[in-house]
Amino acid sequence: MGNRSIHWVMRIAAVSVTGLLGLGAAEEAPQAITVQLFQFRPEQIEVPKGTRITWTNQDDITHTVTSGTPEKRDGRFSAQLAGKGATASVEVKESGTYPYFCGRHSSMRGEIRVPCS
């Protein structure tokens, strides 16, 4: 399925965000991405449908996890990581490629890939 067919539902609680993409697969084991020294680590991740991805901020300053690119935000998800220890999570349930970046530091970029099953 293309990116246009993806539907996102967002729930915001404190500093975490859970996003749902479409309908589908059973939830897989969570995948962790660290935000440290102005980088997403790992920068690219490939996961199966139904995986919950969690970002954890290890920097003392605020970062964001914003879907799309600095040139073209796509509105799929956006979360603020307000300092060290803050987390945000997204569950991916549709195939596709999901670029993201930090809205405060546009050189910070990452990508989630969800292959067709």
PDB file of N, CA and C in Angstrom:
ATOM      1  N   MET A   1       0.831  -1.186   0.000  1.00  0.00           N
ATOM      2  CA  MET A   1       0.000   0.000   0.000  1.00  0.00           C
ATOM      3  C   MET A   1       0.870   1.242   0.000  1.00  0.00           C
ATOM      4  N   GLY A   2       0.385   2.275  -0.628  1.00  0.00           N
ATOM      5  CA  GLY A   2       1.124   3.520  -0.680  1.00  0.00           C
ATOM      6  C   GLY A   2       0.943   4.331   0.587  1.00  0.00           C
ATOM      7  N   ASN A   3       1.776   5.341   0.716  1.00  0.00           N
ATOM      8  CA  ASN A   3       1.717   6.193   1.898  1.00  0.00           C
ATOM      9  C   ASN A   3       0.390   6.935   2.010  1.00  0.00           C
ATOM     10  N   ARG A   4      -0.284   7.172   0.889  1.00  0.00           N
ATOM     11  CA  ARG A   4      -1.544   7.914   0.917  1.00  0.00           C
ATOM     12  C   ARG A   4      -2.657   7.125   1.580  1.00  0.00           C
ATOM     13  N   SER A   5      -2.530   5.795   1.618  1.00  0.00           N
ATOM     14  CA  SER A   5      -3.599   4.981   2.194  1.00  0.00           C
ATOM     15  C   SER A   5      -3.440   4.769   3.691  1.00  0.00           C
ATOM     16  N   ILE A   6      -2.452   5.400   4.273  1.00  0.00           N
ATOM     17  CA  ILE A   6      -2.180   5.197   5.691  1.00  0.00           C
ATOM     18  C   ILE A   6      -3.015   6.176   6.521  1.00  0.00           C
ATOM     19  N   HIS A   7      -3.620   5.637   7.556  1.00  0.00           N
ATOM     20  CA  HIS A   7      -4.407   6.463   8.469  1.00  0.00           C
ATOM     21  C   HIS A   7      -3.736   6.457   9.830  1.00  0.00           C
ATOM     22  N   TRP A   8      -3.602   7.618  10.419  1.00  0.00           N
ATOM     23  CA  TRP A   8      -2.931   7.738  11.720  1.00  0.00           C
ATOM     24  C   TRP A   8      -3.938   8.214  12.759  1.00  0.00           C
ATOM     25  N   VAL A   9      -3.868   7.621  13.897  1.00  0.00           N
ATOM     26  CA  VAL A   9      -4.637   8.077  15.047  1.00  0.00           C
ATOM     27  C   VAL A   9      -3.630   8.361  16.132  1.00  0.00           C
ATOM     28  N   MET A  10      -3.683   9.544  16.697  1.00  0.00           N
ATOM     29  CA  MET A  10      -2.690   9.908  17.706  1.00  0.00           C
ATOM     30  C   MET A  10      -3.334  10.050  19.079  1.00  0.00           C
ATOM     31  N   ARG A  11      -2.666   9.536  20.086  1.00  0.00           N
ATOM     32  CA  ARG A  11      -3.039   9.746  21.481  1.00  0.00           C
ATOM     33  C   ARG A  11      -1.841  10.364  22.179  1.00  0.00           C
ATOM     34  N   ILE A  12      -2.067  11.498  22.836  1.00  0.00           N
ATOM     35  CA  ILE A  12      -0.969  12.181  23.498  1.00  0.00           C
ATOM     36  C   ILE A  12      -1.164  12.092  25.005  1.00  0.00           C
ATOM     37  N   ALA A  13      -0.107  11.662  25.701  1.00  0.00           N
ATOM     38  CA  ALA A  13      -0.129  11.587  27.165  1.00  0.00           C
ATOM     39  C   ALA A  13       1.242  11.985  27.662  1.00  0.00           C
ATOM     40  N   ALA A  14       1.299  13.083  28.392  1.00  0.00           N
ATOM     41  CA  ALA A  14       2.559  13.626  28.906  1.00  0.00           C
ATOM     42  C   ALA A  14       3.534  13.809  27.763  1.00  0.00           C
ATOM     43  N   VAL A  15       4.676  13.114  27.789  1.00  0.00           N
ATOM     44  CA  VAL A  15       5.651  13.268  26.724  1.00  0.00           C
ATOM     45  C   VAL A  15       5.670  12.072  25.792  1.00  0.00           C
ATOM     46  N   SER A  16       4.662  11.170  25.871  1.00  0.00           N
ATOM     47  CA  SER A  16       4.664  10.080  24.911  1.00  0.00           C
ATOM     48  C   SER A  16       3.511  10.175  23.952  1.00  0.00           C
ATOM     49  N   VAL A  17       3.765   9.640  22.766  1.00  0.00           N
ATOM     50  CA  VAL A  17       2.767   9.632  21.717  1.00  0.00           C
ATOM     51  C   VAL A  17       2.697   8.217  21.186  1.00  0.00           C
ATOM     52  N   THR A  18       1.477   7.707  20.999  1.00  0.00           N
ATOM     53  CA  THR A  18       1.304   6.415  20.361  1.00  0.00           C
ATOM     54  C   THR A  18       0.531   6.649  19.087  1.00  0.00           C
ATOM     55  N   GLY A  19       1.091   6.266  17.952  1.00  0.00           N
ATOM     56  CA  GLY A  19       0.425   6.427  16.664  1.00  0.00           C
ATOM     57  C   GLY A  19       0.017   5.077  16.129  1.00  0.00           C
ATOM     58  N   LEU A  20      -1.122   5.006  15.492  1.00  0.00           N
ATOM     59  CA  LEU A  20      -1.592   3.764  14.880  1.00  0.00           C
ATOM     60  C   LEU A  20      -1.715   3.981  13.396  1.00  0.00           C
ATOM     61  N   LEU A  21      -1.141   3.075  12.612  1.00  0.00           N
ATOM     62  CA  LEU A  21      -1.215   3.168  11.164  1.00  0.00           C
ATOM     63  C   LEU A  21      -2.151   2.105  10.655  1.00  0.00           C
ATOM     64  N   GLY A  22      -3.323   2.490  10.233  1.00  0.00           N
ATOM     65  CA  GLY A  22      -4.253   1.551   9.612  1.00  0.00           C
ATOM     66  C   GLY A  22      -4.730   0.443  10.524  1.00  0.00           C
ATOM     67  N   LEU A  23      -5.005  -0.699   9.926  1.00  0.00           N
ATOM     68  CA  LEU A  23      -5.491  -1.862  10.640  1.00  0.00           C
ATOM     69  C   LEU A  23      -4.521  -2.988  10.413  1.00  0.00           C
ATOM     70  N   GLY A  24      -4.535  -3.999  11.272  1.00  0.00           N
ATOM     71  CA  GLY A  24      -3.753  -5.137  10.849  1.00  0.00           C
ATOM     72  C   GLY A  24      -3.024  -5.961  11.842  1.00  0.00           C
ATOM     73  N   ALA A  25      -1.786  -6.258  11.517  1.00  0.00           N
ATOM     74  CA  ALA A  25      -0.956  -7.305  12.094  1.00  0.00           C
ATOM     75  C   ALA A  25      -0.845  -7.243  13.607  1.00  0.00           C
ATOM     76  N   ALA A  26      -0.545  -8.411  14.167  1.00  0.00           N
ATOM     77  CA  ALA A  26      -0.319  -8.506  15.609  1.00  0.00           C
ATOM     78  C   ALA A  26       0.923  -7.709  15.960  1.00  0.00           C
ATOM     79  N   GLU A  27       0.939  -7.161  17.158  1.00  0.00           N
ATOM     80  CA  GLU A  27       2.046  -6.335  17.596  1.00  0.00           C
ATOM     81  C   GLU A  27       3.320  -7.159  17.747  1.00  0.00           C
ATOM     82  N   GLU A  28       4.406  -6.635  17.218  1.00  0.00           N
ATOM     83  CA  GLU A  28       5.725  -7.254  17.316  1.00  0.00           C
ATOM     84  C   GLU A  28       6.460  -6.689  18.530  1.00  0.00           C
ATOM     85  N   ALA A  29       7.654  -7.225  18.786  1.00  0.00           N
ATOM     86  CA  ALA A  29       8.481  -6.736  19.882  1.00  0.00           C
ATOM     87  C   ALA A  29       8.842  -5.272  19.640  1.00  0.00           C
ATOM     88  N   PRO A  30       8.955  -4.459  20.699  1.00  0.00           N
ATOM     89  CA  PRO A  30       9.283  -3.048  20.523  1.00  0.00           C
ATOM     90  C   PRO A  30      10.706  -2.870  20.001  1.00  0.00           C
ATOM     91  N   GLN A  31      10.925  -1.794  19.272  1.00  0.00           N
ATOM     92  CA  GLN A  31      12.235  -1.424  18.759  1.00  0.00           C
ATOM     93  C   GLN A  31      12.616  -0.081  19.368  1.00  0.00           C
ATOM     94  N   ALA A  32      13.867   0.054  19.785  1.00  0.00           N
ATOM     95  CA  ALA A  32      14.324   1.264  20.461  1.00  0.00           C
ATOM     96  C   ALA A  32      15.221   2.100  19.563  1.00  0.00           C
ATOM     97  N   ILE A  33      14.998   3.407  19.597  1.00  0.00           N
ATOM     98  CA  ILE A  33      15.864   4.371  18.941  1.00  0.00           C
ATOM     99  C   ILE A  33      16.289   5.372  20.005  1.00  0.00           C
ATOM    100  N   THR A  34      17.578   5.602  20.095  1.00  0.00           N
ATOM    101  CA  THR A  34      18.119   6.556  21.059  1.00  0.00           C
ATOM    102  C   THR A  34      18.363   7.889  20.370  1.00  0.00           C
ATOM    103  N   VAL A  35      18.050   8.966  21.049  1.00  0.00           N
ATOM    104  CA  VAL A  35      18.353  10.313  20.574  1.00  0.00           C
ATOM    105  C   VAL A  35      19.500  10.807  21.449  1.00  0.00           C
ATOM    106  N   GLN A  36      20.668  10.930  20.826  1.00  0.00           N
ATOM    107  CA  GLN A  36      21.854  11.284  21.613  1.00  0.00           C
ATOM    108  C   GLN A  36      22.855  12.031  20.744  1.00  0.00           C
ATOM    109  N   LEU A  37      23.407  13.093  21.307  1.00  0.00           N
ATOM    110  CA  LEU A  37      24.398  13.913  20.613  1.00  0.00           C
ATOM    111  C   LEU A  37      23.883  14.369  19.243  1.00  0.00           C
ATOM    112  N   PHE A  38      22.618  14.820  19.245  1.00  0.00           N
ATOM    113  CA  PHE A  38      21.981  15.361  18.041  1.00  0.00           C
ATOM    114  C   PHE A  38      21.910  14.342  16.903  1.00  0.00           C
ATOM    115  N   GLN A  39      21.661  13.068  17.250  1.00  0.00           N
ATOM    116  CA  GLN A  39      21.509  12.012  16.258  1.00  0.00           C
ATOM    117  C   GLN A  39      20.440  11.031  16.708  1.00  0.00           C
ATOM    118  N   PHE A  40      19.740  10.443  15.720  1.00  0.00           N
ATOM    119  CA  PHE A  40      18.873   9.297  15.970  1.00  0.00           C
ATOM    120  C   PHE A  40      19.732   8.059  15.748  1.00  0.00           C
ATOM    121  N   ARG A  41      19.741   7.150  16.735  1.00  0.00           N
ATOM    122  CA  ARG A  41      20.572   5.943  16.640  1.00  0.00           C
ATOM    123  C   ARG A  41      19.737   4.706  16.895  1.00  0.00           C
ATOM    124  N   PRO A  42      19.574   3.812  15.936  1.00  0.00           N
ATOM    125  CA  PRO A  42      20.106   3.897  14.579  1.00  0.00           C
ATOM    126  C   PRO A  42      19.329   4.909  13.749  1.00  0.00           C
ATOM    127  N   GLU A  43      19.963   5.391  12.701  1.00  0.00           N
ATOM    128  CA  GLU A  43      19.338   6.382  11.823  1.00  0.00           C
ATOM    129  C   GLU A  43      18.255   5.760  10.953  1.00  0.00           C
ATOM    130  N   GLN A  44      18.481   4.528  10.523  1.00  0.00           N
ATOM    131  CA  GLN A  44      17.485   3.801   9.742  1.00  0.00           C
ATOM    132  C   GLN A  44      17.161   2.504  10.456  1.00  0.00           C
ATOM    133  N   ILE A  45      15.877   2.145  10.388  1.00  0.00           N
ATOM    134  CA  ILE A  45      15.441   0.906  11.018  1.00  0.00           C
ATOM    135  C   ILE A  45      14.415   0.244  10.110  1.00  0.00           C
ATOM    136  N   GLU A  46      14.507  -1.061   9.976  1.00  0.00           N
ATOM    137  CA  GLU A  46      13.516  -1.818   9.214  1.00  0.00           C
ATOM    138  C   GLU A  46      12.822  -2.762  10.171  1.00  0.00           C
ATOM    139  N   VAL A  47      11.494  -2.683  10.196  1.00  0.00           N
ATOM    140  CA  VAL A  47      10.708  -3.465  11.146  1.00  0.00           C
ATOM    141  C   VAL A  47       9.496  -4.067  10.452  1.00  0.00           C
ATOM    142  N   PRO A  48       8.975  -5.171  10.966  1.00  0.00           N
ATOM    143  CA  PRO A  48       7.749  -5.731  10.404  1.00  0.00           C
ATOM    144  C   PRO A  48       6.521  -4.927  10.839  1.00  0.00           C
ATOM    145  N   LYS A  49       5.428  -5.104  10.106  1.00  0.00           N
ATOM    146  CA  LYS A  49       4.160  -4.477  10.483  1.00  0.00           C
ATOM    147  C   LYS A  49       3.823  -4.826  11.921  1.00  0.00           C
ATOM    148  N   GLY A  50       3.201  -3.885  12.617  1.00  0.00           N
ATOM    149  CA  GLY A  50       2.776  -4.111  13.991  1.00  0.00           C
ATOM    150  C   GLY A  50       3.825  -3.820  15.035  1.00  0.00           C
ATOM    151  N   THR A  51       4.990  -3.320  14.630  1.00  0.00           N
ATOM    152  CA  THR A  51       6.067  -3.031  15.571  1.00  0.00           C
ATOM    153  C   THR A  51       5.850  -1.673  16.230  1.00  0.00           C
ATOM    154  N   ARG A  52       6.106  -1.618  17.528  1.00  0.00           N
ATOM    155  CA  ARG A  52       6.091  -0.349  18.271  1.00  0.00           C
ATOM    156  C   ARG A  52       7.540   0.139  18.345  1.00  0.00           C
ATOM    157  N   ILE A  53       7.759   1.356  17.876  1.00  0.00           N
ATOM    158  CA  ILE A  53       9.080   1.974  17.897  1.00  0.00           C
ATOM    159  C   ILE A  53       9.061   3.044  18.970  1.00  0.00           C
ATOM    160  N   THR A  54      10.068   3.025  19.839  1.00  0.00           N
ATOM    161  CA  THR A  54      10.140   3.999  20.925  1.00  0.00           C
ATOM    162  C   THR A  54      11.455   4.755  20.847  1.00  0.00           C
ATOM    163  N   TRP A  55      11.354   6.078  20.820  1.00  0.00           N
ATOM    164  CA  TRP A  55      12.515   6.960  20.877  1.00  0.00           C
ATOM    165  C   TRP A  55      12.716   7.387  22.324  1.00  0.00           C
ATOM    166  N   THR A  56      13.968   7.399  22.781  1.00  0.00           N
ATOM    167  CA  THR A  56      14.309   7.876  24.121  1.00  0.00           C
ATOM    168  C   THR A  56      15.376   8.953  23.990  1.00  0.00           C
ATOM    169  N   ASN A  57      15.090  10.127  24.554  1.00  0.00           N
ATOM    170  CA  ASN A  57      16.016  11.248  24.500  1.00  0.00           C
ATOM    171  C   ASN A  57      17.084  11.086  25.571  1.00  0.00           C
ATOM    172  N   GLN A  58      18.342  11.045  25.159  1.00  0.00           N
ATOM    173  CA  GLN A  58      19.462  10.984  26.089  1.00  0.00           C
ATOM    174  C   GLN A  58      20.197  12.321  26.198  1.00  0.00           C
ATOM    175  N   ASP A  59      19.705  13.330  25.474  1.00  0.00           N
ATOM    176  CA  ASP A  59      20.283  14.671  25.565  1.00  0.00           C
ATOM    177  C   ASP A  59      19.526  15.471  26.619  1.00  0.00           C
ATOM    178  N   ASP A  60      20.172  16.499  27.140  1.00  0.00           N
ATOM    179  CA  ASP A  60      19.541  17.347  28.147  1.00  0.00           C
ATOM    180  C   ASP A  60      18.567  18.356  27.546  1.00  0.00           C
ATOM    181  N   ILE A  61      18.593  18.530  26.232  1.00  0.00           N
ATOM    182  CA  ILE A  61      17.726  19.517  25.587  1.00  0.00           C
ATOM    183  C   ILE A  61      16.545  18.841  24.895  1.00  0.00           C
ATOM    184  N   THR A  62      15.567  19.632  24.511  1.00  0.00           N
ATOM    185  CA  THR A  62      14.369  19.138  23.841  1.00  0.00           C
ATOM    186  C   THR A  62      14.647  18.852  22.368  1.00  0.00           C
ATOM    187  N   HIS A  63      14.157  17.697  21.920  1.00  0.00           N
ATOM    188  CA  HIS A  63      14.155  17.323  20.509  1.00  0.00           C
ATOM    189  C   HIS A  63      12.713  16.986  20.138  1.00  0.00           C
ATOM    190  N   THR A  64      12.457  16.775  18.848  1.00  0.00           N
ATOM    191  CA  THR A  64      11.156  16.279  18.412  1.00  0.00           C
ATOM    192  C   THR A  64      11.368  15.074  17.508  1.00  0.00           C
ATOM    193  N   VAL A  65      10.309  14.318  17.328  1.00  0.00           N
ATOM    194  CA  VAL A  65      10.230  13.264  16.323  1.00  0.00           C
ATOM    195  C   VAL A  65       9.060  13.674  15.444  1.00  0.00           C
ATOM    196  N   THR A  66       9.361  14.183  14.256  1.00  0.00           N
ATOM    197  CA  THR A  66       8.359  14.760  13.369  1.00  0.00           C
ATOM    198  C   THR A  66       8.398  14.031  12.034  1.00  0.00           C
ATOM    199  N   SER A  67       7.266  13.512  11.584  1.00  0.00           N
ATOM    200  CA  SER A  67       7.234  12.736  10.343  1.00  0.00           C
ATOM    201  C   SER A  67       7.374  13.632   9.119  1.00  0.00           C
ATOM    202  N   GLY A  68       8.005  13.057   8.088  1.00  0.00           N
ATOM    203  CA  GLY A  68       8.274  13.781   6.856  1.00  0.00           C
ATOM    204  C   GLY A  68       9.704  14.280   6.846  1.00  0.00           C
ATOM    205  N   THR A  69       9.916  15.381   6.140  1.00  0.00           N
ATOM    206  CA  THR A  69      11.232  16.014   6.066  1.00  0.00           C
ATOM    207  C   THR A  69      11.075  17.477   6.471  1.00  0.00           C
ATOM    208  N   PRO A  70      12.173  18.161   6.792  1.00  0.00           N
ATOM    209  CA  PRO A  70      12.044  19.586   7.127  1.00  0.00           C
ATOM    210  C   PRO A  70      11.416  20.388   5.989  1.00  0.00           C
ATOM    211  N   GLU A  71      11.640  19.935   4.761  1.00  0.00           N
ATOM    212  CA  GLU A  71      11.081  20.624   3.599  1.00  0.00           C
ATOM    213  C   GLU A  71       9.604  20.308   3.391  1.00  0.00           C
ATOM    214  N   LYS A  72       9.159  19.140   3.887  1.00  0.00           N
ATOM    215  CA  LYS A  72       7.773  18.725   3.674  1.00  0.00           C
ATOM    216  C   LYS A  72       7.312  17.805   4.804  1.00  0.00           C
ATOM    217  N   ARG A  73       6.772  18.413   5.837  1.00  0.00           N
ATOM    218  CA  ARG A  73       6.194  17.635   6.936  1.00  0.00           C
ATOM    219  C   ARG A  73       4.954  16.928   6.412  1.00  0.00           C
ATOM    220  N   ASP A  74       4.752  15.669   6.809  1.00  0.00           N
ATOM    221  CA  ASP A  74       3.590  14.955   6.276  1.00  0.00           C
ATOM    222  C   ASP A  74       2.455  14.780   7.280  1.00  0.00           C
ATOM    223  N   GLY A  75       2.632  15.201   8.518  1.00  0.00           N
ATOM    224  CA  GLY A  75       1.544  15.187   9.490  1.00  0.00           C
ATOM    225  C   GLY A  75       1.179  13.823  10.050  1.00  0.00           C
ATOM    226  N   ARG A  76       1.955  12.799   9.782  1.00  0.00           N
ATOM    227  CA  ARG A  76       1.632  11.456  10.293  1.00  0.00           C
ATOM    228  C   ARG A  76       1.822  11.354  11.798  1.00  0.00           C
ATOM    229  N   PHE A  77       2.934  11.912  12.287  1.00  0.00           N
ATOM    230  CA  PHE A  77       3.164  11.909  13.733  1.00  0.00           C
ATOM    231  C   PHE A  77       4.090  13.047  14.108  1.00  0.00           C
ATOM    232  N   SER A  78       3.968  13.481  15.330  1.00  0.00           N
ATOM    233  CA  SER A  78       4.828  14.521  15.870  1.00  0.00           C
ATOM    234  C   SER A  78       4.826  14.392  17.379  1.00  0.00           C
ATOM    235  N   ALA A  79       5.993  14.340  17.957  1.00  0.00           N
ATOM    236  CA  ALA A  79       6.103  14.227  19.411  1.00  0.00           C
ATOM    237  C   ALA A  79       7.285  15.044  19.886  1.00  0.00           C
ATOM    238  N   GLN A  80       7.143  15.595  21.067  1.00  0.00           N
ATOM    239  CA  GLN A  80       8.230  16.356  21.667  1.00  0.00           C
ATOM    240  C   GLN A  80       8.907  15.479  22.705  1.00  0.00           C
ATOM    241  N   LEU A  81      10.237  15.489  22.694  1.00  0.00           N
ATOM    242  CA  LEU A  81      11.034  14.773  23.681  1.00  0.00           C
ATOM    243  C   LEU A  81      11.691  15.834  24.554  1.00  0.00           C
ATOM    244  N   ALA A  82      10.993  16.211  25.616  1.00  0.00           N
ATOM    245  CA  ALA A  82      11.360  17.368  26.436  1.00  0.00           C
ATOM    246  C   ALA A  82      12.444  17.030  27.449  1.00  0.00           C
ATOM    247  N   GLY A  83      13.645  16.780  26.978  1.00  0.00           N
ATOM    248  CA  GLY A  83      14.778  16.564  27.865  1.00  0.00           C
ATOM    249  C   GLY A  83      15.103  15.104  28.105  1.00  0.00           C
ATOM    250  N   LYS A  84      16.153  14.904  28.856  1.00  0.00           N
ATOM    251  CA  LYS A  84      16.702  13.570  29.110  1.00  0.00           C
ATOM    252  C   LYS A  84      15.663  12.644  29.732  1.00  0.00           C
ATOM    253  N   GLY A  85      15.533  11.458  29.134  1.00  0.00           N
ATOM    254  CA  GLY A  85      14.614  10.440  29.628  1.00  0.00           C
ATOM    255  C   GLY A  85      13.229  10.475  29.000  1.00  0.00           C
ATOM    256  N   ALA A  86      12.899  11.536  28.268  1.00  0.00           N
ATOM    257  CA  ALA A  86      11.584  11.628  27.622  1.00  0.00           C
ATOM    258  C   ALA A  86      11.487  10.585  26.508  1.00  0.00           C
ATOM    259  N   THR A  87      10.285  10.024  26.316  1.00  0.00           N
ATOM    260  CA  THR A  87      10.073   9.004  25.291  1.00  0.00           C
ATOM    261  C   THR A  87       8.867   9.349  24.424  1.00  0.00           C
ATOM    262  N   ALA A  88       8.861   8.764  23.239  1.00  0.00           N
ATOM    263  CA  ALA A  88       7.723   8.841  22.324  1.00  0.00           C
ATOM    264  C   ALA A  88       7.667   7.515  21.585  1.00  0.00           C
ATOM    265  N   SER A  89       6.462   7.018  21.315  1.00  0.00           N
ATOM    266  CA  SER A  89       6.297   5.735  20.637  1.00  0.00           C
ATOM    267  C   SER A  89       5.310   5.844  19.485  1.00  0.00           C
ATOM    268  N   VAL A  90       5.563   5.056  18.443  1.00  0.00           N
ATOM    269  CA  VAL A  90       4.681   4.947  17.285  1.00  0.00           C
ATOM    270  C   VAL A  90       4.588   3.471  16.944  1.00  0.00           C
ATOM    271  N   GLU A  91       3.391   2.996  16.688  1.00  0.00           N
ATOM    272  CA  GLU A  91       3.185   1.629  16.230  1.00  0.00           C
ATOM    273  C   GLU A  91       2.890   1.678  14.739  1.00  0.00           C
ATOM    274  N   VAL A  92       3.669   0.941  13.939  1.00  0.00           N
ATOM    275  CA  VAL A  92       3.482   0.943  12.490  1.00  0.00           C
ATOM    276  C   VAL A  92       2.727  -0.313  12.077  1.00  0.00           C
ATOM    277  N   LYS A  93       1.638  -0.112  11.345  1.00  0.00           N
ATOM    278  CA  LYS A  93       0.795  -1.236  10.942  1.00  0.00           C
ATOM    279  C   LYS A  93       0.597  -1.327   9.438  1.00  0.00           C
ATOM    280  N   GLU A  94       1.263  -0.473   8.678  1.00  0.00           N
ATOM    281  CA  GLU A  94       1.169  -0.495   7.215  1.00  0.00           C
ATOM    282  C   GLU A  94       2.565  -0.486   6.624  1.00  0.00           C
ATOM    283  N   SER A  95       2.727  -1.146   5.488  1.00  0.00           N
ATOM    284  CA  SER A  95       3.998  -1.140   4.769  1.00  0.00           C
ATOM    285  C   SER A  95       4.289   0.261   4.249  1.00  0.00           C
ATOM    286  N   GLY A  96       5.568   0.579   4.146  1.00  0.00           N
ATOM    287  CA  GLY A  96       5.957   1.862   3.592  1.00  0.00           C
ATOM    288  C   GLY A  96       7.268   2.344   4.174  1.00  0.00           C
ATOM    289  N   THR A  97       7.685   3.513   3.746  1.00  0.00           N
ATOM    290  CA  THR A  97       8.895   4.163   4.235  1.00  0.00           C
ATOM    291  C   THR A  97       8.462   5.457   4.907  1.00  0.00           C
ATOM    292  N   TYR A  98       8.931   5.656   6.124  1.00  0.00           N
ATOM    293  CA  TYR A  98       8.513   6.796   6.938  1.00  0.00           C
ATOM    294  C   TYR A  98       9.727   7.606   7.374  1.00  0.00           C
ATOM    295  N   PRO A  99      10.062   8.666   6.626  1.00  0.00           N
ATOM    296  CA  PRO A  99      11.144   9.536   7.067  1.00  0.00           C
ATOM    297  C   PRO A  99      10.669  10.391   8.234  1.00  0.00           C
ATOM    298  N   TYR A 100      11.609  10.785   9.103  1.00  0.00           N
ATOM    299  CA  TYR A 100      11.290  11.686  10.211  1.00  0.00           C
ATOM    300  C   TYR A 100      12.520  12.518  10.535  1.00  0.00           C
ATOM    301  N   PHE A 101      12.328  13.559  11.341  1.00  0.00           N
ATOM    302  CA  PHE A 101      13.402  14.488  11.666  1.00  0.00           C
ATOM    303  C   PHE A 101      13.091  15.178  12.986  1.00  0.00           C
ATOM    304  N   CYS A 102      14.061  15.953  13.475  1.00  0.00           N
ATOM    305  CA  CYS A 102      13.846  16.785  14.658  1.00  0.00           C
ATOM    306  C   CYS A 102      13.452  18.178  14.173  1.00  0.00           C
ATOM    307  N   GLY A 103      12.308  18.647  14.616  1.00  0.00           N
ATOM    308  CA  GLY A 103      11.815  19.954  14.209  1.00  0.00           C
ATOM    309  C   GLY A 103      12.656  21.114  14.710  1.00  0.00           C
ATOM    310  N   ARG A 104      13.471  20.880  15.732  1.00  0.00           N
ATOM    311  CA  ARG A 104      14.337  21.933  16.267  1.00  0.00           C
ATOM    312  C   ARG A 104      15.730  21.889  15.650  1.00  0.00           C
ATOM    313  N   HIS A 105      16.114  20.724  15.137  1.00  0.00           N
ATOM    314  CA  HIS A 105      17.468  20.522  14.595  1.00  0.00           C
ATOM    315  C   HIS A 105      17.323  19.735  13.293  1.00  0.00           C
ATOM    316  N   SER A 106      17.087  20.432  12.194  1.00  0.00           N
ATOM    317  CA  SER A 106      16.692  19.782  10.943  1.00  0.00           C
ATOM    318  C   SER A 106      17.743  18.844  10.348  1.00  0.00           C
ATOM    319  N   SER A 107      18.973  18.907  10.819  1.00  0.00           N
ATOM    320  CA  SER A 107      19.974  17.965  10.332  1.00  0.00           C
ATOM    321  C   SER A 107      19.808  16.582  10.955  1.00  0.00           C
ATOM    322  N   MET A 108      19.025  16.490  12.026  1.00  0.00           N
ATOM    323  CA  MET A 108      18.735  15.198  12.662  1.00  0.00           C
ATOM    324  C   MET A 108      17.625  14.524  11.870  1.00  0.00           C
ATOM    325  N   ARG A 109      17.956  13.399  11.225  1.00  0.00           N
ATOM    326  CA  ARG A 109      16.972  12.708  10.395  1.00  0.00           C
ATOM    327  C   ARG A 109      17.058  11.214  10.611  1.00  0.00           C
ATOM    328  N   GLY A 110      15.922  10.554  10.418  1.00  0.00           N
ATOM    329  CA  GLY A 110      15.857   9.113  10.520  1.00  0.00           C
ATOM    330  C   GLY A 110      14.839   8.565   9.557  1.00  0.00           C
ATOM    331  N   GLU A 111      14.746   7.225   9.509  1.00  0.00           N
ATOM    332  CA  GLU A 111      13.810   6.584   8.595  1.00  0.00           C
ATOM    333  C   GLU A 111      13.379   5.238   9.139  1.00  0.00           C
ATOM    334  N   ILE A 112      12.079   4.978   9.041  1.00  0.00           N
ATOM    335  CA  ILE A 112      11.501   3.686   9.396  1.00  0.00           C
ATOM    336  C   ILE A 112      11.070   3.039   8.092  1.00  0.00           C
ATOM    337  N   ARG A 113      11.469   1.792   7.895  1.00  0.00           N
ATOM    338  CA  ARG A 113      11.036   1.024   6.712  1.00  0.00           C
ATOM    339  C   ARG A 113      10.233  -0.162   7.191  1.00  0.00           C
ATOM    340  N   VAL A 114       9.051  -0.327   6.593  1.00  0.00           N
ATOM    341  CA  VAL A 114       8.161  -1.462   6.901  1.00  0.00           C
ATOM    342  C   VAL A 114       7.904  -2.177   5.583  1.00  0.00           C
ATOM    343  N   PRO A 115       8.592  -3.320   5.360  1.00  0.00           N
ATOM    344  CA  PRO A 115       8.424  -4.024   4.092  1.00  0.00           C
ATOM    345  C   PRO A 115       7.044  -4.677   3.971  1.00  0.00           C
ATOM    346  N   CYS A 116       6.651  -4.941   2.721  1.00  0.00           N
ATOM    347  CA  CYS A 116       5.412  -5.677   2.472  1.00  0.00           C
ATOM    348  C   CYS A 116       5.584  -7.088   3.027  1.00  0.00           C
ATOM    349  N   SER A 117       4.531  -7.629   3.581  1.00  0.00           N
ATOM    350  CA  SER A 117       4.664  -8.987   4.132  1.00  0.00           C
ATOM    351  C   SER A 117       4.295 -10.027   3.127  1.00  0.00           C
TER     352      SER A 117
END
